[in-house]
All heavy atoms as atom14 arrays in JSON, in Angstrom:
{
  "sequence": "GRGPQKCVTGRICGKALAIEFNGDLYCCDHFVYPEYKLGNIRE",
  "atom14_mask": [
    [1, 1, 1, 1, 0, 0, 0, 0, 0, 0, 0, 0, 0, 0],
    [1, 1, 1, 1, 1, 1, 1, 1, 1, 1, 1, 0, 0, 0],
    [1, 1, 1, 1, 0, 0, 0, 0, 0, 0, 0, 0, 0, 0],
    [1, 1, 1, 1, 1, 1, 1, 0, 0, 0, 0, 0, 0, 0],
    [1, 1, 1, 1, 1, 1, 1, 1, 1, 0, 0, 0, 0, 0],
    [1, 1, 1, 1, 1, 1, 1, 1, 1, 0, 0, 0, 0, 0],
    [1, 1, 1, 1, 1, 1, 0, 0, 0, 0, 0, 0, 0, 0],
    [1, 1, 1, 1, 1, 1, 1, 0, 0, 0, 0, 0, 0, 0],
    [1, 1, 1, 1, 1, 1, 1, 0, 0, 0, 0, 0, 0, 0],
    [1, 1, 1, 1, 0, 0, 0, 0, 0, 0, 0, 0, 0, 0],
    [1, 1, 1, 1, 1, 1, 1, 1, 1, 1, 1, 0, 0, 0],
    [1, 1, 1, 1, 1, 1, 1, 1, 0, 0, 0, 0, 0, 0],
    [1, 1, 1, 1, 1, 1, 0, 0, 0, 0, 0, 0, 0, 0],
    [1, 1, 1, 1, 0, 0, 0, 0, 0, 0, 0, 0, 0, 0],
    [1, 1, 1, 1, 1, 1, 1, 1, 1, 0, 0, 0, 0, 0],
    [1, 1, 1, 1, 1, 0, 0, 0, 0, 0, 0, 0, 0, 0],
    [1, 1, 1, 1, 1, 1, 1, 1, 0, 0, 0, 0, 0, 0],
    [1, 1, 1, 1, 1, 0, 0, 0, 0, 0, 0, 0, 0, 0],
    [1, 1, 1, 1, 1, 1, 1, 1, 0, 0, 0, 0, 0, 0],
    [1, 1, 1, 1, 1, 1, 1, 1, 1, 0, 0, 0, 0, 0],
    [1, 1, 1, 1, 1, 1, 1, 1, 1, 1, 1, 0, 0, 0],
    [1, 1, 1, 1, 1, 1, 1, 1, 0, 0, 0, 0, 0, 0],
    [1, 1, 1, 1, 0, 0, 0, 0, 0, 0, 0, 0, 0, 0],
    [1, 1, 1, 1, 1, 1, 1, 1, 0, 0, 0, 0, 0, 0],
    [1, 1, 1, 1, 1, 1, 1, 1, 0, 0, 0, 0, 0, 0],
    [1, 1, 1, 1, 1, 1, 1, 1, 1, 1, 1, 1, 0, 0],
    [1, 1, 1, 1, 1, 1, 0, 0, 0, 0, 0, 0, 0, 0],
    [1, 1, 1, 1, 1, 1, 0, 0, 0, 0, 0, 0, 0, 0],
    [1, 1, 1, 1, 1, 1, 1, 1, 0, 0, 0, 0, 0, 0],
    [1, 1, 1, 1, 1, 1, 1, 1, 1, 1, 0, 0, 0, 0],
    [1, 1, 1, 1, 1, 1, 1, 1, 1, 1, 1, 0, 0, 0],
    [1, 1, 1, 1, 1, 1, 1, 0, 0, 0, 0, 0, 0, 0],
    [1, 1, 1, 1, 1, 1, 1, 1, 1, 1, 1, 1, 0, 0],
    [1, 1, 1, 1, 1, 1, 1, 0, 0, 0, 0, 0, 0, 0],
    [1, 1, 1, 1, 1, 1, 1, 1, 1, 0, 0, 0, 0, 0],
    [1, 1, 1, 1, 1, 1, 1, 1, 1, 1, 1, 1, 0, 0],
    [1, 1, 1, 1, 1, 1, 1, 1, 1, 0, 0, 0, 0, 0],
    [1, 1, 1, 1, 1, 1, 1, 1, 0, 0, 0, 0, 0, 0],
    [1, 1, 1, 1, 0, 0, 0, 0, 0, 0, 0, 0, 0, 0],
    [1, 1, 1, 1, 1, 1, 1, 1, 0, 0, 0, 0, 0, 0],
    [1, 1, 1, 1, 1, 1, 1, 1, 0, 0, 0, 0, 0, 0],
    [1, 1, 1, 1, 1, 1, 1, 1, 1, 1, 1, 0, 0, 0],
    [1, 1, 1, 1, 1, 1, 1, 1, 1, 0, 0, 0, 0, 0]
  ],
  "atom14_positions": [
    [[28.41, -12.1, 124.79], [27.91, -12.14, 123.37], [27.86, -13.43, 122.7], [27.85, -13.34, 121.58], [0.0, 0.0, 0.0], [0.0, 0.0, 0.0], [0.0, 0.0, 0.0], [0.0, 0.0, 0.0], [0.0, 0.0, 0.0], [0.0, 0.0, 0.0], [0.0, 0.0, 0.0], [0.0, 0.0, 0.0], [0.0, 0.0, 0.0], [0.0, 0.0, 0.0]],
    [[27.92, -14.41, 123.54], [27.93, -15.88, 122.82], [26.63, -16.62, 122.87], [26.6, -17.71, 122.56], [29.13, -16.55, 123.52], [30.44, -16.08, 123.24], [31.61, -16.79, 123.88], [32.83, -16.16, 123.7], [33.92, -16.44, 124.14], [34.08, -17.6, 124.91], [35.12, -15.71, 124.08], [0.0, 0.0, 0.0], [0.0, 0.0, 0.0], [0.0, 0.0, 0.0]],
    [[25.62, -15.82, 123.27], [24.26, -16.33, 123.27], [23.9, -17.22, 124.54], [24.74, -17.67, 125.13], [0.0, 0.0, 0.0], [0.0, 0.0, 0.0], [0.0, 0.0, 0.0], [0.0, 0.0, 0.0], [0.0, 0.0, 0.0], [0.0, 0.0, 0.0], [0.0, 0.0, 0.0], [0.0, 0.0, 0.0], [0.0, 0.0, 0.0], [0.0, 0.0, 0.0]],
    [[22.59, -17.43, 124.6], [22.17, -18.24, 125.79], [22.35, -19.7, 125.47], [22.24, -20.36, 124.41], [20.69, -17.85, 125.79], [20.3, -17.58, 124.48], [21.48, -16.92, 123.83], [0.0, 0.0, 0.0], [0.0, 0.0, 0.0], [0.0, 0.0, 0.0], [0.0, 0.0, 0.0], [0.0, 0.0, 0.0], [0.0, 0.0, 0.0], [0.0, 0.0, 0.0]],
    [[22.63, -20.4, 126.53], [22.76, -21.96, 126.52], [21.54, -22.58, 127.0], [21.39, -23.87, 126.98], [24.02, -22.41, 127.14], [25.32, -21.87, 126.66], [26.49, -22.37, 127.53], [26.32, -22.89, 128.64], [27.77, -21.92, 127.05], [0.0, 0.0, 0.0], [0.0, 0.0, 0.0], [0.0, 0.0, 0.0], [0.0, 0.0, 0.0], [0.0, 0.0, 0.0]],
    [[20.65, -21.71, 127.65], [19.28, -22.26, 128.22], [18.18, -21.45, 127.66], [18.18, -20.28, 127.45], [19.5, -22.04, 129.78], [20.5, -22.87, 130.37], [20.68, -22.35, 131.91], [19.45, -22.58, 132.78], [19.23, -24.19, 132.98], [0.0, 0.0, 0.0], [0.0, 0.0, 0.0], [0.0, 0.0, 0.0], [0.0, 0.0, 0.0], [0.0, 0.0, 0.0]],
    [[17.14, -22.21, 127.38], [15.97, -21.48, 126.72], [15.38, -20.46, 127.57], [14.78, -19.42, 127.07], [14.92, -22.6, 126.34], [14.13, -23.41, 127.77], [0.0, 0.0, 0.0], [0.0, 0.0, 0.0], [0.0, 0.0, 0.0], [0.0, 0.0, 0.0], [0.0, 0.0, 0.0], [0.0, 0.0, 0.0], [0.0, 0.0, 0.0], [0.0, 0.0, 0.0]],
    [[15.36, -20.64, 129.02], [14.81, -19.71, 129.83], [15.25, -18.29, 129.71], [14.67, -17.26, 130.11], [14.79, -20.13, 131.14], [13.95, -21.46, 131.35], [16.24, -20.41, 131.81], [0.0, 0.0, 0.0], [0.0, 0.0, 0.0], [0.0, 0.0, 0.0], [0.0, 0.0, 0.0], [0.0, 0.0, 0.0], [0.0, 0.0, 0.0], [0.0, 0.0, 0.0]],
    [[16.6, -18.12, 129.31], [17.08, -16.8, 129.13], [17.24, -16.2, 127.79], [18.02, -15.31, 127.62], [18.58, -16.77, 129.97], [19.36, -17.67, 129.4], [18.28, -17.01, 131.43], [0.0, 0.0, 0.0], [0.0, 0.0, 0.0], [0.0, 0.0, 0.0], [0.0, 0.0, 0.0], [0.0, 0.0, 0.0], [0.0, 0.0, 0.0], [0.0, 0.0, 0.0]],
    [[16.82, -17.04, 126.82], [16.84, -16.57, 125.4], [15.7, -15.54, 125.15], [14.77, -15.43, 125.89], [0.0, 0.0, 0.0], [0.0, 0.0, 0.0], [0.0, 0.0, 0.0], [0.0, 0.0, 0.0], [0.0, 0.0, 0.0], [0.0, 0.0, 0.0], [0.0, 0.0, 0.0], [0.0, 0.0, 0.0], [0.0, 0.0, 0.0], [0.0, 0.0, 0.0]],
    [[15.96, -14.81, 124.1], [15.03, -13.86, 123.69], [13.76, -14.45, 123.19], [12.61, -13.97, 123.41], [15.56, -12.98, 122.42], [14.6, -11.87, 122.04], [15.32, -10.89, 121.3], [14.45, -9.65, 120.94], [14.88, -8.63, 120.42], [16.2, -8.48, 120.02], [14.06, -7.43, 120.23], [0.0, 0.0, 0.0], [0.0, 0.0, 0.0], [0.0, 0.0, 0.0]],
    [[13.89, -15.65, 122.59], [12.63, -16.5, 122.22], [12.84, -17.87, 122.61], [13.81, -18.31, 123.1], [12.36, -16.58, 120.64], [13.59, -17.22, 119.94], [12.15, -15.11, 120.02], [13.41, -17.5, 118.41], [0.0, 0.0, 0.0], [0.0, 0.0, 0.0], [0.0, 0.0, 0.0], [0.0, 0.0, 0.0], [0.0, 0.0, 0.0], [0.0, 0.0, 0.0]],
    [[11.65, -18.55, 122.82], [11.72, -19.99, 123.06], [11.14, -20.72, 122.02], [10.98, -20.31, 120.96], [11.22, -20.15, 124.5], [9.57, -19.68, 124.75], [0.0, 0.0, 0.0], [0.0, 0.0, 0.0], [0.0, 0.0, 0.0], [0.0, 0.0, 0.0], [0.0, 0.0, 0.0], [0.0, 0.0, 0.0], [0.0, 0.0, 0.0], [0.0, 0.0, 0.0]],
    [[10.5, -21.82, 122.42], [9.64, -22.7, 121.44], [10.27, -23.73, 120.76], [9.7, -24.41, 119.93], [0.0, 0.0, 0.0], [0.0, 0.0, 0.0], [0.0, 0.0, 0.0], [0.0, 0.0, 0.0], [0.0, 0.0, 0.0], [0.0, 0.0, 0.0], [0.0, 0.0, 0.0], [0.0, 0.0, 0.0], [0.0, 0.0, 0.0], [0.0, 0.0, 0.0]],
    [[11.71, -24.01, 120.98], [12.26, -25.13, 120.35], [12.67, -26.26, 121.35], [13.51, -27.09, 121.02], [13.57, -24.63, 119.59], [13.24, -23.85, 118.41], [14.49, -23.59, 117.45], [14.15, -22.77, 116.2], [15.32, -22.56, 115.31], [0.0, 0.0, 0.0], [0.0, 0.0, 0.0], [0.0, 0.0, 0.0], [0.0, 0.0, 0.0], [0.0, 0.0, 0.0]],
    [[12.04, -26.22, 122.45], [12.03, -27.32, 123.5], [10.62, -27.81, 123.8], [10.05, -27.04, 124.67], [12.82, -26.91, 124.7], [0.0, 0.0, 0.0], [0.0, 0.0, 0.0], [0.0, 0.0, 0.0], [0.0, 0.0, 0.0], [0.0, 0.0, 0.0], [0.0, 0.0, 0.0], [0.0, 0.0, 0.0], [0.0, 0.0, 0.0], [0.0, 0.0, 0.0]],
    [[10.17, -28.81, 123.06], [8.68, -29.15, 123.18], [8.58, -30.43, 124.04], [9.54, -30.9, 124.51], [8.12, -29.3, 121.81], [8.21, -28.11, 120.88], [9.51, -28.0, 120.07], [6.93, -28.06, 120.02], [0.0, 0.0, 0.0], [0.0, 0.0, 0.0], [0.0, 0.0, 0.0], [0.0, 0.0, 0.0], [0.0, 0.0, 0.0], [0.0, 0.0, 0.0]],
    [[7.4, -30.79, 124.26], [7.17, -32.07, 124.88], [6.11, -33.01, 124.29], [5.21, -32.5, 123.64], [6.62, -31.71, 126.32], [0.0, 0.0, 0.0], [0.0, 0.0, 0.0], [0.0, 0.0, 0.0], [0.0, 0.0, 0.0], [0.0, 0.0, 0.0], [0.0, 0.0, 0.0], [0.0, 0.0, 0.0], [0.0, 0.0, 0.0], [0.0, 0.0, 0.0]],
    [[6.44, -34.22, 124.19], [5.5, -35.17, 123.58], [5.03, -36.24, 124.58], [6.04, -36.81, 125.19], [6.01, -35.75, 122.24], [5.15, -36.67, 121.5], [7.37, -36.64, 122.71], [5.65, -37.1, 120.18], [0.0, 0.0, 0.0], [0.0, 0.0, 0.0], [0.0, 0.0, 0.0], [0.0, 0.0, 0.0], [0.0, 0.0, 0.0], [0.0, 0.0, 0.0]],
    [[3.67, -36.34, 124.64], [3.21, -37.37, 125.52], [3.31, -38.81, 125.05], [3.48, -39.05, 123.74], [1.76, -36.94, 126.05], [1.78, -36.13, 127.2], [2.17, -37.08, 128.48], [2.15, -38.31, 128.35], [2.38, -36.45, 129.61], [0.0, 0.0, 0.0], [0.0, 0.0, 0.0], [0.0, 0.0, 0.0], [0.0, 0.0, 0.0], [0.0, 0.0, 0.0]],
    [[2.92, -39.82, 125.86], [2.97, -41.16, 125.45], [2.01, -41.5, 124.33], [2.23, -42.51, 123.63], [2.49, -42.09, 126.62], [1.15, -42.15, 126.93], [0.38, -43.16, 126.49], [0.47, -40.97, 127.52], [-1.11, -43.26, 126.84], [-0.86, -40.99, 127.86], [-1.69, -42.07, 127.46], [0.0, 0.0, 0.0], [0.0, 0.0, 0.0], [0.0, 0.0, 0.0]],
    [[0.95, -40.74, 124.04], [-0.03, -40.99, 123.11], [0.19, -40.16, 121.89], [-0.56, -40.15, 120.82], [-1.4, -40.67, 123.6], [-1.61, -39.25, 123.86], [-0.74, -38.32, 123.91], [-2.87, -38.82, 124.31], [0.0, 0.0, 0.0], [0.0, 0.0, 0.0], [0.0, 0.0, 0.0], [0.0, 0.0, 0.0], [0.0, 0.0, 0.0], [0.0, 0.0, 0.0]],
    [[1.36, -39.44, 121.75], [1.8, -38.63, 120.52], [1.22, -37.15, 120.46], [1.48, -36.48, 119.56], [0.0, 0.0, 0.0], [0.0, 0.0, 0.0], [0.0, 0.0, 0.0], [0.0, 0.0, 0.0], [0.0, 0.0, 0.0], [0.0, 0.0, 0.0], [0.0, 0.0, 0.0], [0.0, 0.0, 0.0], [0.0, 0.0, 0.0], [0.0, 0.0, 0.0]],
    [[0.44, -36.8, 121.48], [0.09, -35.32, 121.56], [1.47, -34.52, 121.95], [2.35, -34.8, 122.85], [-0.76, -35.24, 122.81], [-2.18, -35.67, 122.47], [-2.49, -35.91, 121.36], [-2.93, -35.84, 123.48], [0.0, 0.0, 0.0], [0.0, 0.0, 0.0], [0.0, 0.0, 0.0], [0.0, 0.0, 0.0], [0.0, 0.0, 0.0], [0.0, 0.0, 0.0]],
    [[1.52, -33.5, 121.01], [2.71, -32.46, 121.27], [2.29, -31.27, 121.75], [1.33, -30.68, 121.36], [3.31, -32.4, 119.72], [4.51, -31.66, 119.62], [5.77, -32.46, 120.23], [5.02, -31.34, 118.3], [0.0, 0.0, 0.0], [0.0, 0.0, 0.0], [0.0, 0.0, 0.0], [0.0, 0.0, 0.0], [0.0, 0.0, 0.0], [0.0, 0.0, 0.0]],
    [[3.16, -30.7, 122.71], [2.82, -29.6, 123.43], [4.04, -28.57, 123.22], [5.13, -28.86, 122.92], [2.69, -29.8, 124.95], [1.33, -30.66, 125.25], [1.47, -32.06, 125.26], [0.2, -29.97, 125.51], [0.39, -32.77, 125.41], [-0.89, -30.73, 125.72], [-0.85, -32.16, 125.7], [-2.01, -33.0, 125.92], [0.0, 0.0, 0.0], [0.0, 0.0, 0.0]],
    [[3.74, -27.19, 123.5], [4.57, -26.16, 123.16], [5.95, -26.23, 123.92], [6.87, -25.92, 123.47], [3.88, -24.9, 123.49], [2.43, -24.42, 122.3], [0.0, 0.0, 0.0], [0.0, 0.0, 0.0], [0.0, 0.0, 0.0], [0.0, 0.0, 0.0], [0.0, 0.0, 0.0], [0.0, 0.0, 0.0], [0.0, 0.0, 0.0], [0.0, 0.0, 0.0]],
    [[5.73, -26.75, 125.13], [6.83, -26.91, 126.13], [6.61, -27.81, 127.27], [5.51, -28.09, 127.48], [7.19, -25.46, 126.76], [8.3, -25.29, 128.07], [0.0, 0.0, 0.0], [0.0, 0.0, 0.0], [0.0, 0.0, 0.0], [0.0, 0.0, 0.0], [0.0, 0.0, 0.0], [0.0, 0.0, 0.0], [0.0, 0.0, 0.0], [0.0, 0.0, 0.0]],
    [[7.67, -28.37, 127.78], [7.47, -29.25, 128.97], [6.77, -28.61, 130.01], [6.07, -29.35, 130.72], [8.79, -29.62, 129.4], [8.96, -30.63, 130.52], [8.09, -31.49, 130.65], [9.88, -30.49, 131.43], [0.0, 0.0, 0.0], [0.0, 0.0, 0.0], [0.0, 0.0, 0.0], [0.0, 0.0, 0.0], [0.0, 0.0, 0.0], [0.0, 0.0, 0.0]],
    [[6.8, -27.39, 130.26], [6.09, -26.68, 131.45], [4.77, -26.19, 130.91], [4.05, -25.5, 131.74], [6.98, -25.54, 131.98], [8.12, -26.07, 132.72], [8.09, -26.44, 134.13], [9.42, -26.28, 132.54], [9.21, -26.96, 134.57], [10.08, -26.77, 133.63], [0.0, 0.0, 0.0], [0.0, 0.0, 0.0], [0.0, 0.0, 0.0], [0.0, 0.0, 0.0]],
    [[4.38, -26.5, 129.74], [3.09, -26.0, 129.25], [2.24, -27.06, 128.61], [1.58, -27.03, 127.69], [3.36, -24.96, 128.07], [3.78, -23.55, 128.61], [5.03, -23.38, 129.05], [2.91, -22.58, 128.58], [5.57, -22.15, 129.34], [3.31, -21.23, 129.11], [4.61, -21.15, 129.46], [0.0, 0.0, 0.0], [0.0, 0.0, 0.0], [0.0, 0.0, 0.0]],
    [[2.37, -28.27, 129.33], [1.56, -29.43, 129.02], [0.2, -29.35, 129.46], [-0.13, -29.76, 130.65], [2.27, -30.89, 129.5], [1.41, -31.97, 129.0], [3.66, -30.87, 128.73], [0.0, 0.0, 0.0], [0.0, 0.0, 0.0], [0.0, 0.0, 0.0], [0.0, 0.0, 0.0], [0.0, 0.0, 0.0], [0.0, 0.0, 0.0], [0.0, 0.0, 0.0]],
    [[-0.57, -28.51, 128.93], [-2.03, -28.33, 129.33], [-2.76, -28.16, 128.0], [-2.18, -27.97, 126.91], [-2.14, -26.85, 129.88], [-1.47, -26.79, 131.36], [-0.16, -26.51, 131.48], [-2.31, -26.71, 132.5], [0.52, -26.36, 132.78], [-1.68, -26.83, 133.76], [-0.37, -26.47, 133.86], [0.31, -26.35, 135.1], [0.0, 0.0, 0.0], [0.0, 0.0, 0.0]],
    [[-4.0, -28.56, 128.05], [-4.85, -28.5, 126.76], [-4.7, -27.35, 126.04], [-4.8, -27.28, 124.74], [-6.33, -28.75, 127.35], [-6.12, -29.5, 128.57], [-4.93, -29.0, 129.24], [0.0, 0.0, 0.0], [0.0, 0.0, 0.0], [0.0, 0.0, 0.0], [0.0, 0.0, 0.0], [0.0, 0.0, 0.0], [0.0, 0.0, 0.0], [0.0, 0.0, 0.0]],
    [[-4.61, -26.13, 126.62], [-4.48, -24.79, 125.95], [-3.23, -24.76, 125.06], [-3.21, -23.92, 124.23], [-4.49, -23.67, 126.93], [-5.84, -23.54, 127.55], [-5.81, -24.4, 128.92], [-5.12, -25.34, 129.12], [-6.75, -24.01, 129.79], [0.0, 0.0, 0.0], [0.0, 0.0, 0.0], [0.0, 0.0, 0.0], [0.0, 0.0, 0.0], [0.0, 0.0, 0.0]],
    [[-2.24, -25.54, 125.27], [-0.94, -25.48, 124.6], [-0.66, -26.71, 123.83], [0.53, -26.85, 123.42], [0.2, -25.12, 125.58], [0.04, -23.88, 126.16], [-0.56, -23.68, 127.49], [0.49, -22.73, 125.49], [-0.6, -22.39, 127.96], [0.31, -21.38, 126.08], [-0.09, -21.33, 127.33], [-0.23, -20.02, 127.95], [0.0, 0.0, 0.0], [0.0, 0.0, 0.0]],
    [[-1.75, -27.46, 123.51], [-1.47, -28.61, 122.71], [-1.47, -28.18, 121.22], [-2.25, -27.48, 120.71], [-2.59, -29.59, 122.77], [-2.65, -30.91, 121.91], [-3.7, -31.77, 122.27], [-3.82, -32.81, 121.22], [-5.06, -33.8, 121.38], [0.0, 0.0, 0.0], [0.0, 0.0, 0.0], [0.0, 0.0, 0.0], [0.0, 0.0, 0.0], [0.0, 0.0, 0.0]],
    [[-0.35, -28.73, 120.49], [-0.26, -28.34, 119.01], [-0.89, -29.35, 118.17], [-1.24, -29.05, 117.05], [1.27, -28.36, 118.8], [2.15, -27.19, 119.41], [3.66, -27.6, 119.25], [1.71, -25.89, 118.92], [0.0, 0.0, 0.0], [0.0, 0.0, 0.0], [0.0, 0.0, 0.0], [0.0, 0.0, 0.0], [0.0, 0.0, 0.0], [0.0, 0.0, 0.0]],
    [[-1.05, -30.62, 118.57], [-1.59, -31.68, 117.74], [-1.06, -33.04, 118.08], [-0.38, -33.13, 119.03], [0.0, 0.0, 0.0], [0.0, 0.0, 0.0], [0.0, 0.0, 0.0], [0.0, 0.0, 0.0], [0.0, 0.0, 0.0], [0.0, 0.0, 0.0], [0.0, 0.0, 0.0], [0.0, 0.0, 0.0], [0.0, 0.0, 0.0], [0.0, 0.0, 0.0]],
    [[-1.33, -33.97, 117.22], [-0.9, -35.29, 117.48], [-0.15, -35.77, 116.22], [-0.4, -35.5, 115.1], [-2.01, -36.29, 117.72], [-1.59, -37.54, 118.14], [-0.94, -38.52, 117.39], [-1.86, -37.87, 119.51], [0.0, 0.0, 0.0], [0.0, 0.0, 0.0], [0.0, 0.0, 0.0], [0.0, 0.0, 0.0], [0.0, 0.0, 0.0], [0.0, 0.0, 0.0]],
    [[1.26, -36.35, 116.55], [2.0, -36.59, 115.51], [1.54, -37.75, 114.51], [2.13, -38.01, 113.57], [3.51, -37.07, 115.95], [3.47, -38.29, 116.86], [4.14, -35.76, 116.72], [4.85, -38.8, 117.12], [0.0, 0.0, 0.0], [0.0, 0.0, 0.0], [0.0, 0.0, 0.0], [0.0, 0.0, 0.0], [0.0, 0.0, 0.0], [0.0, 0.0, 0.0]],
    [[0.54, -38.44, 114.96], [-0.05, -39.55, 114.04], [-0.9, -38.85, 112.96], [-1.12, -39.39, 111.93], [-0.94, -40.51, 114.84], [-0.23, -41.47, 115.56], [-1.23, -42.58, 116.12], [-0.66, -43.45, 117.13], [0.18, -44.51, 116.91], [0.45, -44.78, 115.52], [0.59, -45.26, 117.84], [0.0, 0.0, 0.0], [0.0, 0.0, 0.0], [0.0, 0.0, 0.0]],
    [[-1.29, -37.57, 113.26], [-2.2, -36.84, 112.33], [-1.45, -35.75, 111.48], [-1.78, -35.56, 110.36], [-3.35, -36.17, 113.07], [-4.16, -37.16, 113.86], [-5.16, -36.56, 114.93], [-5.02, -35.3, 115.07], [-5.94, -37.27, 115.52], [0.0, 0.0, 0.0], [0.0, 0.0, 0.0], [0.0, 0.0, 0.0], [0.0, 0.0, 0.0], [0.0, 0.0, 0.0]]
  ]
}
């Protein structure tokens, strides 16, 4: 009952994202695909 230490076994995820060299931010490191691009941090 002390909670997950890894996102893969948590009830929700979404707080471990990935940012590319050009500032594009994606939902997750394993979801770096155009479909999961959130935007660019310059904008």
